[in-house]
């Protein structure tokens, strides 16, 4: 009996030790939780988030808050179990955040690049909305290319076969829409005078081209800078665009309310889906938000993870977001998820 009792005791002790080891051993999961929110109309570490130099800016009574997701990259079973039982967190396979073959540092660098691109797109679409159009300008003309003797450096390309050129990407797409060898009517302005030239595209590197390099410009009489560090990914684009518009026009978009939101934005003003919507809703609620701008493609997920008394405003574009805020200010009912 004595020997048997000792065996049972040792077995129990070994099981306990193994259990502790399992609980503190890292597992291939990450925990997502609510991250910080930032008022794009305010300051971060004493510096304006959206800084404008060379033009007066307006002051708003409310806030436009971008939302983020916090990622705990190293997770032990004990932490994962707590996360599974938490209403505010999510435990997901590590490869969803850190794809196989890419280091944590590489993912961080990619997220930072996406964040910079989102700022550029936000500036582009906001300034366009404020009346500063994009210009696609000829930077160089290949001396032996299709446009030689037809287009010149400094020409602003305005159309292809009657379709307006709104961005550098749109010019490329319009040229590639026709097979190499097609005659294209290229609209342009030169020294303020409009003109049209016929250019026959040629195949180069397997694609139709017209033999010019271009720049995308958006002249405006002030400088604009976004100052925000330690945030990655493209999902702040919508809130940056709204913040720029709010600061550069007299009207207060917020109506004195705290408006939170998320969503990517492209140069045409389209708002795209993002990840981590449940955690962002929690962060917005904790920040005292009165309403949340939800990308249309995230509405179903948002409705599965609502926060009390936090209306979910459905938006698919910058224009829809501006309309939703206008309706809210007027005391109306914006389009909800």
Protein backbone atom coordinates (compact mmCIF):
# COMPACT_ATOMS: atom_id res chain seq x y z
CA UNK A 1 0.00 0.00 0.00
CA UNK A 2 2.81 2.31 0.84
CA UNK A 3 4.57 1.73 -2.48
CA UNK A 4 1.29 2.12 -4.39
CA UNK A 5 0.53 5.40 -2.58
CA UNK A 6 3.96 6.76 -3.47
CA UNK A 7 3.42 5.84 -7.14
CA UNK A 8 0.10 7.66 -7.22
CA UNK A 9 1.64 10.72 -5.57
CA UNK A 10 4.55 10.80 -8.00
CA UNK A 11 2.18 10.34 -10.93
CA UNK A 12 0.02 13.23 -9.77
CA UNK A 13 3.07 15.43 -9.28
CA UNK A 14 4.38 14.58 -12.76
CA UNK A 15 0.99 15.31 -14.31
CA UNK A 16 0.85 18.66 -12.56
CA UNK A 17 4.34 19.58 -13.74
CA UNK A 18 3.49 18.58 -17.31
CA UNK A 19 0.30 20.61 -17.14
CA UNK A 20 2.21 23.67 -15.98
CA UNK A 21 4.70 23.14 -18.80
CA UNK A 22 1.92 22.94 -21.37
CA UNK A 23 0.27 26.06 -19.99
CA UNK A 24 3.42 28.16 -20.33
CA UNK A 25 4.64 26.78 -23.66
CA UNK A 26 4.05 29.09 -26.68
CA UNK A 27 1.41 27.82 -29.12
CA UNK A 28 0.82 28.72 -32.83
CA UNK A 29 -1.92 31.27 -32.16
CA UNK A 30 -2.16 35.01 -31.60
CA UNK A 31 -4.63 36.97 -29.52
CA UNK A 32 -6.41 39.96 -31.04
CA UNK A 33 -7.78 42.62 -28.73
CA UNK A 34 -9.03 46.22 -28.88
CA UNK A 35 -6.19 48.58 -29.76
CA UNK A 36 -5.92 52.32 -29.13
CA UNK A 37 -8.16 54.80 -30.93
CA UNK A 38 -6.81 58.10 -32.23
CA UNK A 39 -8.68 61.33 -32.96
CA UNK A 40 -7.51 62.36 -36.43
CA UNK A 41 -8.59 65.93 -35.59
CA UNK A 42 -6.47 66.02 -32.45
CA UNK A 43 -2.87 65.50 -31.40
CA UNK A 44 -0.67 62.52 -30.68
CA UNK A 45 2.33 62.99 -28.36
CA UNK A 46 1.91 66.75 -28.62
CA UNK A 47 1.87 66.88 -32.44
CA UNK A 48 -1.19 67.39 -34.61
CA UNK A 49 -2.15 64.12 -36.28
CA UNK A 50 -3.08 66.01 -39.47
CA UNK A 51 -0.76 68.98 -39.83
CA UNK A 52 -1.53 71.71 -42.37
CA UNK A 53 0.92 74.51 -43.14
CA UNK A 54 0.09 77.45 -45.38
CA UNK A 55 -3.67 77.56 -44.91
CA UNK A 56 -5.97 78.19 -41.92
CA UNK A 57 -7.73 75.14 -40.51
CA UNK A 58 -11.06 74.82 -38.73
CA UNK A 59 -11.74 73.48 -35.26
CA UNK A 60 -14.36 70.80 -34.60
CA UNK A 61 -16.44 70.25 -31.49
CA UNK A 62 -16.36 66.48 -31.84
CA UNK A 63 -13.85 63.81 -32.83
CA UNK A 64 -13.11 61.53 -35.77
CA UNK A 65 -11.43 58.47 -34.28
CA UNK A 66 -9.60 55.80 -36.20
CA UNK A 67 -9.65 52.41 -34.52
CA UNK A 68 -7.00 49.71 -34.27
CA UNK A 69 -6.49 46.09 -33.26
CA UNK A 70 -3.87 45.04 -30.74
CA UNK A 71 -1.98 41.82 -31.55
CA UNK A 72 -0.33 39.65 -28.90
CA UNK A 73 2.15 37.72 -31.06
CA UNK A 74 3.48 35.21 -28.50
CA UNK A 75 0.70 33.24 -26.87
CA UNK A 76 0.80 30.50 -24.25
CA UNK A 77 -2.03 28.07 -23.68
CA UNK A 78 -3.06 29.78 -20.47
CA UNK A 79 -3.40 33.11 -22.32
CA UNK A 80 -5.23 31.47 -25.22
CA UNK A 81 -7.77 29.88 -22.88
CA UNK A 82 -8.42 33.28 -21.27
CA UNK A 83 -8.81 34.78 -24.75
CA UNK A 84 -11.29 32.12 -25.85
CA UNK A 85 -13.52 32.99 -22.90
CA UNK A 86 -13.16 36.77 -23.38
CA UNK A 87 -15.94 38.72 -25.08
CA UNK A 88 -13.47 41.38 -26.25
CA UNK A 89 -10.70 39.22 -27.70
CA UNK A 90 -10.20 36.64 -30.43
CA UNK A 91 -7.73 33.77 -30.65
CA UNK A 92 -6.75 33.04 -34.26
CA UNK A 93 -4.11 30.85 -35.95
CA UNK A 94 -0.78 32.62 -36.12
CA UNK A 95 -0.49 32.22 -39.90
CA UNK A 96 -3.49 34.52 -40.41
CA UNK A 97 -1.43 37.41 -39.06
CA UNK A 98 2.11 36.17 -39.75
CA UNK A 99 2.02 34.15 -43.00
CA UNK A 100 4.42 31.19 -43.25
CA UNK A 101 7.78 32.17 -44.69
CA UNK A 102 7.55 35.76 -43.45
CA UNK A 103 9.14 36.96 -40.25
CA UNK A 104 7.40 39.12 -37.69
CA UNK A 105 9.65 42.02 -38.75
CA UNK A 106 8.74 41.54 -42.43
CA UNK A 107 5.04 41.63 -41.57
CA UNK A 108 5.60 44.80 -39.54
CA UNK A 109 7.40 46.46 -42.47
CA UNK A 110 4.57 45.49 -44.85
CA UNK A 111 1.98 46.89 -42.46
CA UNK A 112 3.93 50.15 -42.20
CA UNK A 113 4.06 50.39 -46.00
CA UNK A 114 0.30 49.76 -46.23
CA UNK A 115 -0.20 52.49 -43.64
CA UNK A 116 1.82 54.98 -45.71
CA UNK A 117 -0.13 54.07 -48.85
CA UNK A 118 -3.42 54.57 -46.97
CA UNK A 119 -2.30 58.06 -45.99
CA UNK A 120 -1.42 58.93 -49.59
CA UNK A 121 -4.78 57.66 -50.88
CA UNK A 122 -6.62 59.51 -48.11
CA UNK A 123 -4.86 62.74 -49.06
CA UNK A 124 -5.56 62.20 -52.77
CA UNK A 125 -9.28 61.55 -52.41
CA UNK A 126 -9.81 64.24 -49.76
CA UNK A 127 -8.06 66.94 -51.81
CA UNK A 128 -10.02 65.89 -54.89
CA UNK A 129 -13.24 66.31 -52.90
CA UNK A 130 -12.05 69.75 -51.78
CA UNK A 131 -11.54 70.88 -55.38
CA UNK A 132 -7.90 70.07 -56.05
CA UNK A 133 -8.03 67.67 -59.02
CA UNK A 134 -5.41 65.10 -59.92
CA UNK A 135 -3.29 65.83 -62.98
CA UNK A 136 -1.51 63.15 -64.97
CA UNK A 137 1.56 64.84 -66.40
CA UNK A 138 3.96 63.56 -69.07
CA UNK A 139 7.40 63.28 -67.47
CA UNK A 140 9.39 61.86 -70.39
CA UNK A 141 8.69 60.89 -74.00
CA UNK A 142 10.65 58.02 -75.57
CA UNK A 143 12.43 59.50 -78.62
CA UNK A 144 11.60 56.45 -80.75
CA UNK A 145 8.23 55.69 -79.12
CA UNK A 146 4.65 56.08 -80.39
CA UNK A 147 4.21 59.51 -78.75
CA UNK A 148 7.44 61.06 -80.11
CA UNK A 149 6.67 64.32 -81.90
CA UNK A 150 3.08 64.17 -80.66
CA UNK A 151 3.11 64.54 -76.89
CA UNK A 152 5.57 66.70 -74.97
CA UNK A 153 7.06 66.78 -71.49
CA UNK A 154 4.67 68.77 -69.29
CA UNK A 155 1.51 67.85 -71.19
CA UNK A 156 -1.42 67.05 -68.90
CA UNK A 157 -3.19 63.93 -70.22
CA UNK A 158 -6.94 64.37 -69.83
CA UNK A 159 -8.62 61.56 -71.79
CA UNK A 160 -8.23 58.44 -73.91
CA UNK A 161 -10.86 57.92 -76.64
CA UNK A 162 -13.13 60.35 -74.84
CA UNK A 163 -12.90 58.67 -71.43
CA UNK A 164 -11.56 60.98 -68.72
CA UNK A 165 -8.17 60.22 -67.20
CA UNK A 166 -8.59 60.71 -63.46
CA UNK A 167 -5.44 59.04 -62.13
CA UNK A 168 -2.17 57.64 -63.43
CA UNK A 169 -3.62 54.16 -62.98
CA UNK A 170 -6.68 55.03 -65.04
CA UNK A 171 -4.47 56.16 -67.96
CA UNK A 172 -2.58 52.86 -67.85
CA UNK A 173 -5.83 50.88 -67.73
CA UNK A 174 -7.35 52.78 -70.66
CA UNK A 175 -4.27 52.15 -72.83
CA UNK A 176 -4.20 48.46 -71.92
CA UNK A 177 -7.91 48.09 -72.62
CA UNK A 178 -7.12 48.11 -76.36
CA UNK A 179 -4.72 45.69 -78.10
CA UNK A 180 -1.30 46.88 -79.18
CA UNK A 181 -1.51 48.58 -82.55
CA UNK A 182 -4.72 50.44 -81.71
CA UNK A 183 -5.09 54.10 -82.62
CA UNK A 184 -5.89 56.04 -79.46
CA UNK A 185 -7.24 59.59 -79.29
CA UNK A 186 -5.20 61.13 -76.44
CA UNK A 187 -6.71 64.31 -75.01
CA UNK A 188 -4.28 66.71 -73.32
CA UNK A 189 -3.68 70.29 -72.30
CA UNK A 190 -0.45 72.10 -73.11
CA UNK A 191 0.25 75.49 -71.55
CA UNK A 192 -3.45 75.74 -70.74
CA UNK A 193 -4.63 74.94 -74.27
CA UNK A 194 -6.59 71.75 -74.94
CA UNK A 195 -5.66 69.43 -77.77
CA UNK A 196 -6.11 65.88 -79.06
CA UNK A 197 -3.48 63.65 -80.64
CA UNK A 198 -3.69 60.24 -82.29
CA UNK A 199 -1.16 57.77 -80.92
CA UNK A 200 -0.81 54.16 -82.06
CA UNK A 201 0.12 51.92 -79.15
CA UNK A 202 2.94 49.38 -79.36
CA UNK A 203 3.61 46.20 -77.45
CA UNK A 204 6.40 46.45 -74.90
CA UNK A 205 7.09 43.87 -72.20
CA UNK A 206 3.97 42.06 -73.37
CA UNK A 207 1.65 45.06 -72.88
CA UNK A 208 0.36 47.94 -75.03
CA UNK A 209 2.18 51.21 -74.31
CA UNK A 210 2.38 54.70 -75.81
CA UNK A 211 6.01 55.46 -74.94
CA UNK A 212 5.68 58.01 -72.14
CA UNK A 213 6.48 58.10 -68.44
CA UNK A 214 4.01 59.99 -66.29
CA UNK A 215 3.68 61.64 -62.91
CA UNK A 216 0.51 61.99 -60.89
CA UNK A 217 0.29 65.46 -59.38
CA UNK A 218 -2.28 67.28 -57.29
CA UNK A 219 -1.23 70.92 -56.88
CA UNK A 220 -2.51 72.71 -53.76
CA UNK A 221 -1.32 75.91 -52.04
CA UNK A 222 -0.41 74.33 -48.69
CA UNK A 223 1.51 71.40 -47.24
CA UNK A 224 -0.19 68.48 -45.61
CA UNK A 225 1.41 65.94 -43.31
CA UNK A 226 0.08 63.04 -41.25
CA UNK A 227 2.01 62.44 -38.03
CA UNK A 228 1.25 59.09 -36.48
CA UNK A 229 3.63 56.30 -35.57
CA UNK A 230 3.31 52.74 -34.27
CA UNK A 231 0.21 51.97 -36.34
CA UNK A 232 0.23 49.70 -39.37
CA UNK A 233 -2.07 48.47 -42.09
CA UNK A 234 -4.39 50.27 -44.51
CA UNK A 235 -7.56 50.46 -42.42
CA UNK A 236 -7.22 54.10 -41.27
CA UNK A 237 -7.67 55.48 -44.80
CA UNK A 238 -11.32 56.51 -44.45
CA UNK A 239 -10.83 58.29 -41.13
CA UNK A 240 -7.76 60.15 -42.41
CA UNK A 241 -9.70 61.34 -45.47
CA UNK A 242 -12.56 62.59 -43.29
CA UNK A 243 -10.10 64.27 -40.94
CA UNK A 244 -8.39 66.14 -43.80
CA UNK A 245 -11.73 67.36 -45.16
CA UNK A 246 -12.91 68.43 -41.71
CA UNK A 247 -9.76 70.46 -41.03
CA UNK A 248 -9.69 72.18 -44.43
CA UNK A 249 -13.34 73.22 -44.68
CA UNK A 250 -15.31 75.42 -42.26
CA UNK A 251 -18.07 72.88 -41.64
CA UNK A 252 -17.72 70.59 -38.62
CA UNK A 253 -18.34 67.06 -39.92
CA UNK A 254 -18.76 65.66 -36.42
CA UNK A 255 -21.69 67.77 -35.26
CA UNK A 256 -20.07 67.71 -31.83
CA UNK A 257 -20.19 63.91 -31.63
CA UNK A 258 -17.46 61.31 -31.28
CA UNK A 259 -17.44 59.43 -34.57
CA UNK A 260 -15.30 56.30 -34.77
CA UNK A 261 -14.72 54.18 -37.82
CA UNK A 262 -12.48 52.11 -40.02
CA UNK A 263 -12.00 51.17 -43.66
CA UNK A 264 -9.46 51.28 -46.44
CA UNK A 265 -9.81 53.93 -49.11
CA UNK A 266 -8.67 54.08 -52.72
CA UNK A 267 -7.94 57.03 -54.99
CA UNK A 268 -11.53 56.98 -56.28
CA UNK A 269 -12.98 57.16 -52.76
CA UNK A 270 -14.08 53.54 -52.45
CA UNK A 271 -14.13 52.21 -48.89
CA UNK A 272 -12.90 48.64 -48.47
CA UNK A 273 -13.26 45.92 -45.86
CA UNK A 274 -10.80 45.45 -43.01
CA UNK A 275 -10.02 42.86 -40.34
CA UNK A 276 -10.66 42.92 -36.61
CA UNK A 277 -14.03 44.65 -36.70
CA UNK A 278 -15.23 43.10 -33.38
CA UNK A 279 -12.18 44.40 -31.52
CA UNK A 280 -12.44 47.82 -33.17
CA UNK A 281 -16.06 48.14 -32.09
CA UNK A 282 -15.03 47.44 -28.49
CA UNK A 283 -12.27 50.05 -28.73
CA UNK A 284 -14.71 52.59 -30.14
CA UNK A 285 -17.22 51.96 -27.38
CA UNK A 286 -14.51 52.32 -24.73
CA UNK A 287 -13.55 55.66 -26.32
CA UNK A 288 -17.11 56.94 -25.92
CA UNK A 289 -18.07 56.84 -29.60
CA UNK A 290 -21.58 57.96 -30.55
CA UNK A 291 -21.53 56.17 -33.91
CA UNK A 292 -19.28 53.87 -35.92
CA UNK A 293 -18.60 54.02 -39.67
CA UNK A 294 -18.52 50.43 -40.96
CA UNK A 295 -17.30 49.41 -44.43
CA UNK A 296 -20.26 47.89 -46.27
CA UNK A 297 -18.48 44.55 -46.68
CA UNK A 298 -17.92 44.34 -42.90
CA UNK A 299 -21.55 44.96 -41.96
CA UNK A 300 -22.51 41.30 -41.49
CA UNK A 301 -19.59 40.72 -39.11
CA UNK A 302 -20.29 43.97 -37.26
CA UNK A 303 -23.92 42.98 -36.73
CA UNK A 304 -22.74 39.72 -35.16
CA UNK A 305 -20.59 41.68 -32.72
CA UNK A 306 -22.58 44.78 -31.74
CA UNK A 307 -21.81 47.11 -28.88
CA UNK A 308 -24.65 48.58 -26.79
CA UNK A 309 -25.92 51.95 -28.04
CA UNK A 310 -23.33 52.18 -30.81
CA UNK A 311 -25.09 52.71 -34.17
CA UNK A 312 -23.37 51.03 -37.11
CA UNK A 313 -23.38 53.34 -40.14
CA UNK A 314 -22.90 51.48 -43.43
CA UNK A 315 -20.54 53.18 -45.91
CA UNK A 316 -19.10 51.98 -49.21
CA UNK A 317 -17.43 55.23 -50.27
CA UNK A 318 -16.19 58.56 -48.98
CA UNK A 319 -19.32 60.22 -50.39
CA UNK A 320 -21.52 57.81 -48.44
CA UNK A 321 -19.55 58.53 -45.27
CA UNK A 322 -19.99 62.28 -45.76
CA UNK A 323 -23.70 61.78 -46.41
CA UNK A 324 -24.05 59.64 -43.27
CA UNK A 325 -22.39 62.33 -41.14
CA UNK A 326 -24.53 65.05 -42.72
CA UNK A 327 -27.69 63.06 -41.98
CA UNK A 328 -26.51 62.47 -38.41
CA UNK A 329 -25.88 66.20 -37.90
CA UNK A 330 -29.37 66.99 -39.18
CA UNK A 331 -30.93 64.59 -36.71
CA UNK A 332 -31.91 62.11 -39.40
CA UNK A 333 -31.38 58.39 -39.70
CA UNK A 334 -28.30 57.39 -41.73
CA UNK A 335 -28.13 54.10 -43.58
CA UNK A 336 -27.36 51.42 -41.01
CA UNK A 337 -25.80 47.98 -41.36
